[in-house]
Every structure is written in C-alpha cells, then in structure tokens.
Amino acid sequence: ALFYTETVNLAALVAAGGVWVLLFLLGRTGFRPLAPYLLGGLVLWYFTMRSGIHPTLAGVALAFAVPMNRGAHGVAFEHEAPAEILESYLNRWVAFVIMPLFGFTNAGLSLGDLSANALADPLVPGIALGLFAGKQIGVFGATWAAVKLGVAKLPGRMSLGHLYGLSLLCGIGFTMSLFIGDMAFRDHPREAEARLAILLGSVVSALVGLFILWLTTLKPKPTVAAAK
C-alpha cells in the first residue's frame, strides 16, 4: 500500500476504512451468517480499488473481520466458526483453480530476456537470499523467541527441527513474491532477473526445507520386542 501506490484517493480510502470497521464490529458480535461479510467484502474491494491501493489487500482486511474462533468473544458457535466454513468452501477453488492459474500466468520466465551475466546482477542473489535466508530468520527467529518468552508454545509433538524445516518452506515465493515482483518490476528491464531470483530462491527453499523435514521426521526402526 505504501510503496506500490502512485496516487491515493483519500475519500475512497476513508470509505473503505469505514466499511471495514463496520464488518469488524459485526464480527466481534459473533454474527454467524456469511452473506453480510461477503457483500461487505465486495463493497470493501470496490472502495479499495478506487482508492488506488491494490484491491487484493481488501481480502486480507476482510479476513480479520470474519470470526475465526468457535467461541470468540464469549460467543459460542454451534458448529464451525464462519471463517472455517468459508475456508472449507474456498479450499478446493483456491488449491485447484486459483493458485494454478496464478502460477501459470505469473511464473513464466523468458530465457531470451535474460542477459549472459544475469546471475551476477546483485538483484538476483538479493531476492533469492531474501526468500531463502530471510524466511528462516523471520519465521523461525520470531517463533523461537515467542516460545522462549512464553508467549506461545509449539503444538503437540512439533520440535524446533520441524519448525526450522517449515520456516524454510516459507521461502517458496510463488504467491506474494511473484505478486510483489510483478508490481515492482512490471515493464522494467530487470523484470526477468527478478523472476529468475524468485524461482531460484523458491527451489532452494523447497529442496532444503523438505530435506530438513525428512531428517527430523525419520521414524525409529522397530525393536525386536516391538516387532513381536
């Protein structure tokens, strides 16, 4: 919103903020039907688009308004929370339609657009390391600190090794990284280098993350007594 918005329509931005506040307050009452949230989300998307800010942020804002806990704010839902219902319904569409289409239309890399010394461009290792190293530092570091400070605790049988492997997988940048890269480098001479860097960082993060998770989830061999 701050770095990729050229001009801002203040009136539309205030209207979007007002719609979000109403939806947020509605969610705090524990109101269950999804229709008002979805209709309000469309209005929020419209005003966000008119404001000059990328309208995808409206979806992020809407997610904060829909009740996510079954007993949020003293209101106990009979079955699933509204956000759980919405997530369950959208899961197939996102996994099998939206994400593949997004990857197909945004992850393309034309080798003809790359220069011979593309890997020597500081932009490439900068973005790749931002994904590979940055996610480790941010996700693992923040979670480890929260656990040590007693703010949070690891669930069930999850170990720090599992957490480290998952933090590596967060370096796969096929969603927000491609999205931000497209906004930052669209029609720019170094657009191909930016995509190359995202692909490199994603592949390395995926391979190393899977290797760490494989190491940390190896099952012990059964003993003779257990086999009997």
C-alpha atoms as a PDB file:
ATOM      1  CA  ALA A   1       0.000   0.000   0.000  1.00  0.00           C
ATOM      2  CA  LEU A   2       2.811   2.428   0.868  1.00  0.00           C
ATOM      3  CA  PHE A   3       5.430   1.571  -1.741  1.00  0.00           C
ATOM      4  CA  TYR A   4       3.411   0.443  -4.770  1.00  0.00           C
ATOM      5  CA  THR A   5       0.674   3.075  -4.850  1.00  0.00           C
ATOM      6  CA  GLU A   6       1.256   6.050  -7.138  1.00  0.00           C
ATOM      7  CA  THR A   7      -1.766   8.161  -6.182  1.00  0.00           C
ATOM      8  CA  VAL A   8      -4.298   7.819  -3.369  1.00  0.00           C
ATOM      9  CA  ASN A   9      -7.974   8.776  -3.489  1.00  0.00           C
ATOM     10  CA  LEU A  10      -8.435   9.787   0.140  1.00  0.00           C
ATOM     11  CA  ALA A  11     -12.254   9.778   0.047  1.00  0.00           C
ATOM     12  CA  ALA A  12     -12.378   6.218  -1.309  1.00  0.00           C
ATOM     13  CA  LEU A  13      -9.764   5.133   1.239  1.00  0.00           C
ATOM     14  CA  VAL A  14     -11.827   6.565   4.117  1.00  0.00           C
ATOM     15  CA  ALA A  15     -14.927   4.827   2.735  1.00  0.00           C
ATOM     16  CA  ALA A  16     -13.042   1.514   2.583  1.00  0.00           C
ATOM     17  CA  GLY A  17     -11.890   2.009   6.156  1.00  0.00           C
ATOM     18  CA  GLY A  18     -15.462   2.730   7.275  1.00  0.00           C
ATOM     19  CA  VAL A  19     -16.784  -0.424   5.611  1.00  0.00           C
ATOM     20  CA  TRP A  20     -14.044  -2.485   7.246  1.00  0.00           C
ATOM     21  CA  VAL A  21     -14.797  -1.052  10.707  1.00  0.00           C
ATOM     22  CA  LEU A  22     -18.474  -1.992  10.324  1.00  0.00           C
ATOM     23  CA  LEU A  23     -17.550  -5.534   9.258  1.00  0.00           C
ATOM     24  CA  PHE A  24     -15.050  -5.833  12.100  1.00  0.00           C
ATOM     25  CA  LEU A  25     -17.616  -4.732  14.693  1.00  0.00           C
ATOM     26  CA  LEU A  26     -20.152  -7.134  13.171  1.00  0.00           C
ATOM     27  CA  GLY A  27     -17.660  -9.947  13.572  1.00  0.00           C
ATOM     28  CA  ARG A  28     -16.998  -9.060  17.201  1.00  0.00           C
ATOM     29  CA  THR A  29     -20.689  -9.571  17.960  1.00  0.00           C
ATOM     30  CA  GLY A  30     -20.367 -13.166  16.787  1.00  0.00           C
ATOM     31  CA  PHE A  31     -22.781 -12.695  13.880  1.00  0.00           C
ATOM     32  CA  ARG A  32     -22.714 -16.015  12.027  1.00  0.00           C
ATOM     33  CA  PRO A  33     -24.297 -15.724   8.521  1.00  0.00           C
ATOM     34  CA  LEU A  34     -21.642 -15.188   5.854  1.00  0.00           C
ATOM     35  CA  ALA A  35     -23.734 -13.178   3.372  1.00  0.00           C
ATOM     36  CA  PRO A  36     -23.185  -9.747   5.032  1.00  0.00           C
ATOM     37  CA  TYR A  37     -19.437 -10.359   5.228  1.00  0.00           C
ATOM     38  CA  LEU A  38     -19.245 -11.348   1.561  1.00  0.00           C
ATOM     39  CA  LEU A  39     -21.409  -8.443   0.372  1.00  0.00           C
ATOM     40  CA  GLY A  40     -19.476  -6.057   2.592  1.00  0.00           C
ATOM     41  CA  GLY A  41     -16.267  -7.548   1.220  1.00  0.00           C
ATOM     42  CA  LEU A  42     -17.312  -6.668  -2.320  1.00  0.00           C
ATOM     43  CA  VAL A  43     -18.001  -3.076  -1.257  1.00  0.00           C
ATOM     44  CA  LEU A  44     -14.656  -3.016   0.569  1.00  0.00           C
ATOM     45  CA  TRP A  45     -12.899  -4.334  -2.557  1.00  0.00           C
ATOM     46  CA  TYR A  46     -14.548  -1.664  -4.714  1.00  0.00           C
ATOM     47  CA  PHE A  47     -13.545   1.268  -2.496  1.00  0.00           C
ATOM     48  CA  THR A  48     -10.028  -0.144  -2.047  1.00  0.00           C
ATOM     49  CA  MET A  49      -9.655  -0.356  -5.821  1.00  0.00           C
ATOM     50  CA  ARG A  50     -10.957   3.203  -6.219  1.00  0.00           C
ATOM     51  CA  SER A  51      -8.512   4.428  -3.575  1.00  0.00           C
ATOM     52  CA  GLY A  52      -5.531   3.478  -5.741  1.00  0.00           C
ATOM     53  CA  ILE A  53      -4.296   0.769  -3.366  1.00  0.00           C
ATOM     54  CA  HIS A  54      -4.108  -2.722  -4.841  1.00  0.00           C
ATOM     55  CA  PRO A  55      -7.534  -4.299  -4.153  1.00  0.00           C
ATOM     56  CA  THR A  56      -6.078  -7.665  -3.077  1.00  0.00           C
ATOM     57  CA  LEU A  57      -5.423  -6.028   0.295  1.00  0.00           C
ATOM     58  CA  ALA A  58      -9.187  -5.883   0.749  1.00  0.00           C
ATOM     59  CA  GLY A  59      -9.212  -9.677   1.016  1.00  0.00           C
ATOM     60  CA  VAL A  60      -6.574  -9.579   3.738  1.00  0.00           C
ATOM     61  CA  ALA A  61      -8.528  -6.937   5.644  1.00  0.00           C
ATOM     62  CA  LEU A  62     -11.783  -8.879   5.266  1.00  0.00           C
ATOM     63  CA  ALA A  63     -10.178 -11.973   6.797  1.00  0.00           C
ATOM     64  CA  PHE A  64      -9.617 -10.038  10.028  1.00  0.00           C
ATOM     65  CA  ALA A  65     -13.316  -9.194  10.236  1.00  0.00           C
ATOM     66  CA  VAL A  66     -14.818 -12.686   9.812  1.00  0.00           C
ATOM     67  CA  PRO A  67     -14.946 -14.525  13.192  1.00  0.00           C
ATOM     68  CA  MET A  68     -12.241 -17.180  13.257  1.00  0.00           C
ATOM     69  CA  ASN A  69     -12.789 -18.802  16.658  1.00  0.00           C
ATOM     70  CA  ARG A  70     -15.704 -21.034  17.604  1.00  0.00           C
ATOM     71  CA  GLY A  71     -16.081 -19.279  20.924  1.00  0.00           C
ATOM     72  CA  ALA A  72     -14.732 -15.862  20.030  1.00  0.00           C
ATOM     73  CA  HIS A  73     -15.530 -13.036  22.450  1.00  0.00           C
ATOM     74  CA  GLY A  74     -17.789 -15.184  24.562  1.00  0.00           C
ATOM     75  CA  VAL A  75     -19.978 -16.147  21.601  1.00  0.00           C
ATOM     76  CA  ALA A  76     -20.071 -19.936  21.170  1.00  0.00           C
ATOM     77  CA  PHE A  77     -20.948 -21.183  17.687  1.00  0.00           C
ATOM     78  CA  GLU A  78     -22.923 -24.394  17.430  1.00  0.00           C
ATOM     79  CA  HIS A  79     -20.565 -25.987  14.908  1.00  0.00           C
ATOM     80  CA  GLU A  80     -17.796 -24.373  12.858  1.00  0.00           C
ATOM     81  CA  ALA A  81     -16.804 -20.716  13.034  1.00  0.00           C
ATOM     82  CA  PRO A  82     -17.796 -18.616   9.977  1.00  0.00           C
ATOM     83  CA  ALA A  83     -14.171 -18.354   8.819  1.00  0.00           C
ATOM     84  CA  GLU A  84     -13.821 -22.145   8.996  1.00  0.00           C
ATOM     85  CA  ILE A  85     -16.927 -22.588   6.831  1.00  0.00           C
ATOM     86  CA  LEU A  86     -15.627 -20.069   4.303  1.00  0.00           C
ATOM     87  CA  GLU A  87     -12.180 -21.654   4.263  1.00  0.00           C
ATOM     88  CA  SER A  88     -13.634 -25.127   3.747  1.00  0.00           C
ATOM     89  CA  TYR A  89     -15.765 -23.946   0.833  1.00  0.00           C
ATOM     90  CA  LEU A  90     -12.987 -21.976  -0.876  1.00  0.00           C
ATOM     91  CA  ASN A  91     -10.224 -24.524  -0.321  1.00  0.00           C
ATOM     92  CA  ARG A  92     -10.854 -26.568  -3.482  1.00  0.00           C
ATOM     93  CA  TRP A  93     -11.252 -23.492  -5.672  1.00  0.00           C
ATOM     94  CA  VAL A  94      -8.053 -21.950  -4.339  1.00  0.00           C
ATOM     95  CA  ALA A  95      -5.989 -25.154  -4.481  1.00  0.00           C
ATOM     96  CA  PHE A  96      -7.131 -26.470  -7.866  1.00  0.00           C
ATOM     97  CA  VAL A  97      -8.175 -23.366  -9.820  1.00  0.00           C
ATOM     98  CA  ILE A  98      -6.958 -20.035  -8.464  1.00  0.00           C
ATOM     99  CA  MET A  99      -3.416 -20.978  -7.433  1.00  0.00           C
ATOM    100  CA  PRO A 100      -2.607 -22.957 -10.612  1.00  0.00           C
ATOM    101  CA  LEU A 101      -3.925 -20.107 -12.758  1.00  0.00           C
ATOM    102  CA  PHE A 102      -1.938 -17.583 -10.731  1.00  0.00           C
ATOM    103  CA  GLY A 103       1.245 -19.617 -11.085  1.00  0.00           C
ATOM    104  CA  PHE A 104       0.630 -20.253 -14.792  1.00  0.00           C
ATOM    105  CA  THR A 105       0.123 -16.576 -15.603  1.00  0.00           C
ATOM    106  CA  ASN A 106       2.780 -15.083 -13.306  1.00  0.00           C
ATOM    107  CA  ALA A 107       5.656 -17.574 -13.033  1.00  0.00           C
ATOM    108  CA  GLY A 108       6.649 -17.589 -16.705  1.00  0.00           C
ATOM    109  CA  LEU A 109      10.299 -16.782 -17.390  1.00  0.00           C
ATOM    110  CA  SER A 110      11.573 -15.990 -20.861  1.00  0.00           C
ATOM    111  CA  LEU A 111      15.231 -17.017 -21.081  1.00  0.00           C
ATOM    112  CA  GLY A 112      15.602 -14.721 -24.063  1.00  0.00           C
ATOM    113  CA  ASP A 113      15.027 -11.745 -21.775  1.00  0.00           C
ATOM    114  CA  LEU A 114      17.972 -12.692 -19.546  1.00  0.00           C
ATOM    115  CA  SER A 115      21.426 -11.298 -20.094  1.00  0.00           C
ATOM    116  CA  ALA A 116      24.519 -13.510 -20.134  1.00  0.00           C
ATOM    117  CA  ASN A 117      25.599 -12.265 -16.710  1.00  0.00           C
ATOM    118  CA  ALA A 118      22.131 -12.319 -15.101  1.00  0.00           C
ATOM    119  CA  LEU A 119      23.340 -14.271 -12.072  1.00  0.00           C
ATOM    120  CA  ALA A 120      25.980 -11.612 -11.441  1.00  0.00           C
ATOM    121  CA  ASP A 121      23.295  -8.949 -11.102  1.00  0.00           C
ATOM    122  CA  PRO A 122      23.069  -8.087  -7.357  1.00  0.00           C
ATOM    123  CA  LEU A 123      19.300  -8.120  -7.704  1.00  0.00           C
ATOM    124  CA  VAL A 124      19.251 -11.911  -8.222  1.00  0.00           C
ATOM    125  CA  PRO A 125      21.136 -13.057  -5.088  1.00  0.00           C
ATOM    126  CA  GLY A 126      19.460 -10.283  -3.117  1.00  0.00           C
ATOM    127  CA  ILE A 127      15.935 -11.533  -3.828  1.00  0.00           C
ATOM    128  CA  ALA A 128      16.922 -15.220  -3.670  1.00  0.00           C
ATOM    129  CA  LEU A 129      18.613 -14.804  -0.282  1.00  0.00           C
ATOM    130  CA  GLY A 130      15.699 -12.708   0.903  1.00  0.00           C
ATOM    131  CA  LEU A 131      13.495 -15.756   0.377  1.00  0.00           C
ATOM    132  CA  PHE A 132      15.917 -18.463   1.467  1.00  0.00           C
ATOM    133  CA  ALA A 133      17.638 -16.747   4.403  1.00  0.00           C
ATOM    134  CA  GLY A 134      15.089 -14.071   5.245  1.00  0.00           C
ATOM    135  CA  LYS A 135      12.252 -16.508   5.875  1.00  0.00           C
ATOM    136  CA  GLN A 136      14.449 -18.605   8.146  1.00  0.00           C
ATOM    137  CA  ILE A 137      15.422 -15.575  10.203  1.00  0.00           C
ATOM    138  CA  GLY A 138      11.934 -14.089  10.305  1.00  0.00           C
ATOM    139  CA  VAL A 139       9.683 -17.128  10.743  1.00  0.00           C
ATOM    140  CA  PHE A 140      11.990 -19.339  12.797  1.00  0.00           C
ATOM    141  CA  GLY A 141      13.502 -16.486  14.795  1.00  0.00           C
ATOM    142  CA  ALA A 142      10.203 -14.855  15.716  1.00  0.00           C
ATOM    143  CA  THR A 143       8.540 -18.153  16.643  1.00  0.00           C
ATOM    144  CA  TRP A 144      11.552 -19.357  18.650  1.00  0.00           C
ATOM    145  CA  ALA A 145      11.595 -16.041  20.549  1.00  0.00           C
ATOM    146  CA  ALA A 146       7.843 -16.269  21.231  1.00  0.00           C
ATOM    147  CA  VAL A 147       8.258 -19.802  22.622  1.00  0.00           C
ATOM    148  CA  LYS A 148      11.232 -18.841  24.788  1.00  0.00           C
ATOM    149  CA  LEU A 149       9.394 -15.787  26.140  1.00  0.00           C
ATOM    150  CA  GLY A 150       6.346 -17.889  26.983  1.00  0.00           C
ATOM    151  CA  VAL A 151       4.082 -16.000  24.591  1.00  0.00           C
ATOM    152  CA  ALA A 152       3.395 -19.160  22.572  1.00  0.00           C
ATOM    153  CA  LYS A 153       4.168 -22.859  22.630  1.00  0.00           C
ATOM    154  CA  LEU A 154       4.831 -25.418  19.928  1.00  0.00           C
ATOM    155  CA  PRO A 155       1.849 -27.667  19.227  1.00  0.00           C
ATOM    156  CA  GLY A 156       1.838 -31.350  20.135  1.00  0.00           C
ATOM    157  CA  ARG A 157       4.928 -33.265  19.085  1.00  0.00           C
ATOM    158  CA  MET A 158       6.358 -30.461  16.961  1.00  0.00           C
ATOM    159  CA  SER A 159      10.077 -29.884  17.506  1.00  0.00           C
ATOM    160  CA  LEU A 160      12.353 -26.974  16.699  1.00  0.00           C
ATOM    161  CA  GLY A 161      13.654 -29.072  13.804  1.00  0.00           C
ATOM    162  CA  HIS A 162      10.150 -29.267  12.362  1.00  0.00           C
ATOM    163  CA  LEU A 163       9.761 -25.519  12.845  1.00  0.00           C
ATOM    164  CA  TYR A 164      13.051 -24.866  11.064  1.00  0.00           C
ATOM    165  CA  GLY A 165      12.023 -27.041   8.109  1.00  0.00           C
ATOM    166  CA  LEU A 166       8.687 -25.244   7.853  1.00  0.00           C
ATOM    167  CA  SER A 167      10.393 -21.843   8.007  1.00  0.00           C
ATOM    168  CA  LEU A 168      12.498 -22.923   5.022  1.00  0.00           C
ATOM    169  CA  LEU A 169       9.369 -23.901   3.087  1.00  0.00           C
ATOM    170  CA  CYS A 170       8.050 -20.381   3.696  1.00  0.00           C
ATOM    171  CA  GLY A 171      10.776 -19.259   1.288  1.00  0.00           C
ATOM    172  CA  ILE A 172       8.741 -20.674  -1.608  1.00  0.00           C
ATOM    173  CA  GLY A 173       7.660 -17.421  -3.209  1.00  0.00           C
ATOM    174  CA  PHE A 174       5.031 -18.471  -5.719  1.00  0.00           C
ATOM    175  CA  THR A 175       2.376 -16.208  -4.275  1.00  0.00           C
ATOM    176  CA  MET A 176       3.272 -12.892  -2.667  1.00  0.00           C
ATOM    177  CA  SER A 177       6.820 -12.773  -4.051  1.00  0.00           C
ATOM    178  CA  LEU A 178       5.631 -13.080  -7.641  1.00  0.00           C
ATOM    179  CA  PHE A 179       2.791 -10.679  -6.895  1.00  0.00           C
ATOM    180  CA  ILE A 180       5.075  -8.017  -5.406  1.00  0.00           C
ATOM    181  CA  GLY A 181       7.726  -8.654  -8.042  1.00  0.00           C
ATOM    182  CA  ASP A 182       5.160  -8.029 -10.756  1.00  0.00           C
ATOM    183  CA  MET A 183       4.139  -4.727  -9.174  1.00  0.00           C
ATOM    184  CA  ALA A 184       7.730  -3.613  -8.614  1.00  0.00           C
ATOM    185  CA  PHE A 185       9.300  -4.663 -11.933  1.00  0.00           C
ATOM    186  CA  ARG A 186       6.449  -4.670 -14.439  1.00  0.00           C
ATOM    187  CA  ASP A 187       7.760  -3.446 -17.833  1.00  0.00           C
ATOM    188  CA  HIS A 188      11.165  -2.920 -16.195  1.00  0.00           C
ATOM    189  CA  PRO A 189      14.393  -4.029 -17.972  1.00  0.00           C
ATOM    190  CA  ARG A 190      15.226  -6.264 -14.986  1.00  0.00           C
ATOM    191  CA  GLU A 191      11.829  -7.963 -14.724  1.00  0.00           C
ATOM    192  CA  ALA A 192      13.237 -11.297 -15.978  1.00  0.00           C
ATOM    193  CA  GLU A 193      16.084 -11.148 -13.424  1.00  0.00           C
ATOM    194  CA  ALA A 194      13.565 -10.611 -10.618  1.00  0.00           C
ATOM    195  CA  ARG A 195      11.535 -13.658 -11.679  1.00  0.00           C
ATOM    196  CA  LEU A 196      14.701 -15.744 -12.014  1.00  0.00           C
ATOM    197  CA  ALA A 197      15.676 -14.795  -8.461  1.00  0.00           C
ATOM    198  CA  ILE A 198      12.247 -15.740  -7.097  1.00  0.00           C
ATOM    199  CA  LEU A 199      12.389 -19.112  -8.863  1.00  0.00           C
ATOM    200  CA  LEU A 200      15.921 -19.821  -7.575  1.00  0.00           C
ATOM    201  CA  GLY A 201      15.053 -18.837  -4.002  1.00  0.00           C
ATOM    202  CA  SER A 202      11.861 -20.906  -4.137  1.00  0.00           C
ATOM    203  CA  VAL A 203      13.533 -24.045  -5.490  1.00  0.00           C
ATOM    204  CA  VAL A 204      16.394 -23.954  -2.987  1.00  0.00           C
ATOM    205  CA  SER A 205      13.983 -23.262  -0.106  1.00  0.00           C
ATOM    206  CA  ALA A 206      11.760 -26.171  -1.155  1.00  0.00           C
ATOM    207  CA  LEU A 207      14.605 -28.678  -1.535  1.00  0.00           C
ATOM    208  CA  VAL A 208      16.424 -27.771   1.676  1.00  0.00           C
ATOM    209  CA  GLY A 209      13.153 -27.495   3.622  1.00  0.00           C
ATOM    210  CA  LEU A 210      11.997 -30.935   2.511  1.00  0.00           C
ATOM    211  CA  PHE A 211      15.419 -32.391   3.358  1.00  0.00           C
ATOM    212  CA  ILE A 212      15.315 -30.908   6.887  1.00  0.00           C
ATOM    213  CA  LEU A 213      11.779 -32.190   7.450  1.00  0.00           C
ATOM    214  CA  TRP A 214      12.810 -35.614   6.155  1.00  0.00           C
ATOM    215  CA  LEU A 215      15.691 -35.685   8.651  1.00  0.00           C
ATOM    216  CA  THR A 216      13.571 -34.516  11.581  1.00  0.00           C
ATOM    217  CA  THR A 217      10.658 -36.881  10.942  1.00  0.00           C
ATOM    218  CA  LEU A 218      12.573 -40.130  10.441  1.00  0.00           C
ATOM    219  CA  LYS A 219      10.793 -42.907  12.304  1.00  0.00           C
ATOM    220  CA  PRO A 220      12.964 -45.068  14.584  1.00  0.00           C
ATOM    221  CA  LYS A 221      13.405 -48.650  13.485  1.00  0.00           C
ATOM    222  CA  PRO A 222      11.170 -51.038  15.443  1.00  0.00           C
ATOM    223  CA  THR A 223      12.939 -53.130  18.049  1.00  0.00           C
ATOM    224  CA  VAL A 224      12.760 -56.918  18.089  1.00  0.00           C
ATOM    225  CA  ALA A 225      10.379 -56.822  21.061  1.00  0.00           C
ATOM    226  CA  ALA A 226       8.091 -54.329  19.329  1.00  0.00           C
ATOM    227  CA  ALA A 227       8.095 -56.413  16.158  1.00  0.00           C
ATOM    228  CA  LYS A 228       6.967 -59.476  18.112  1.00  0.00           C
END
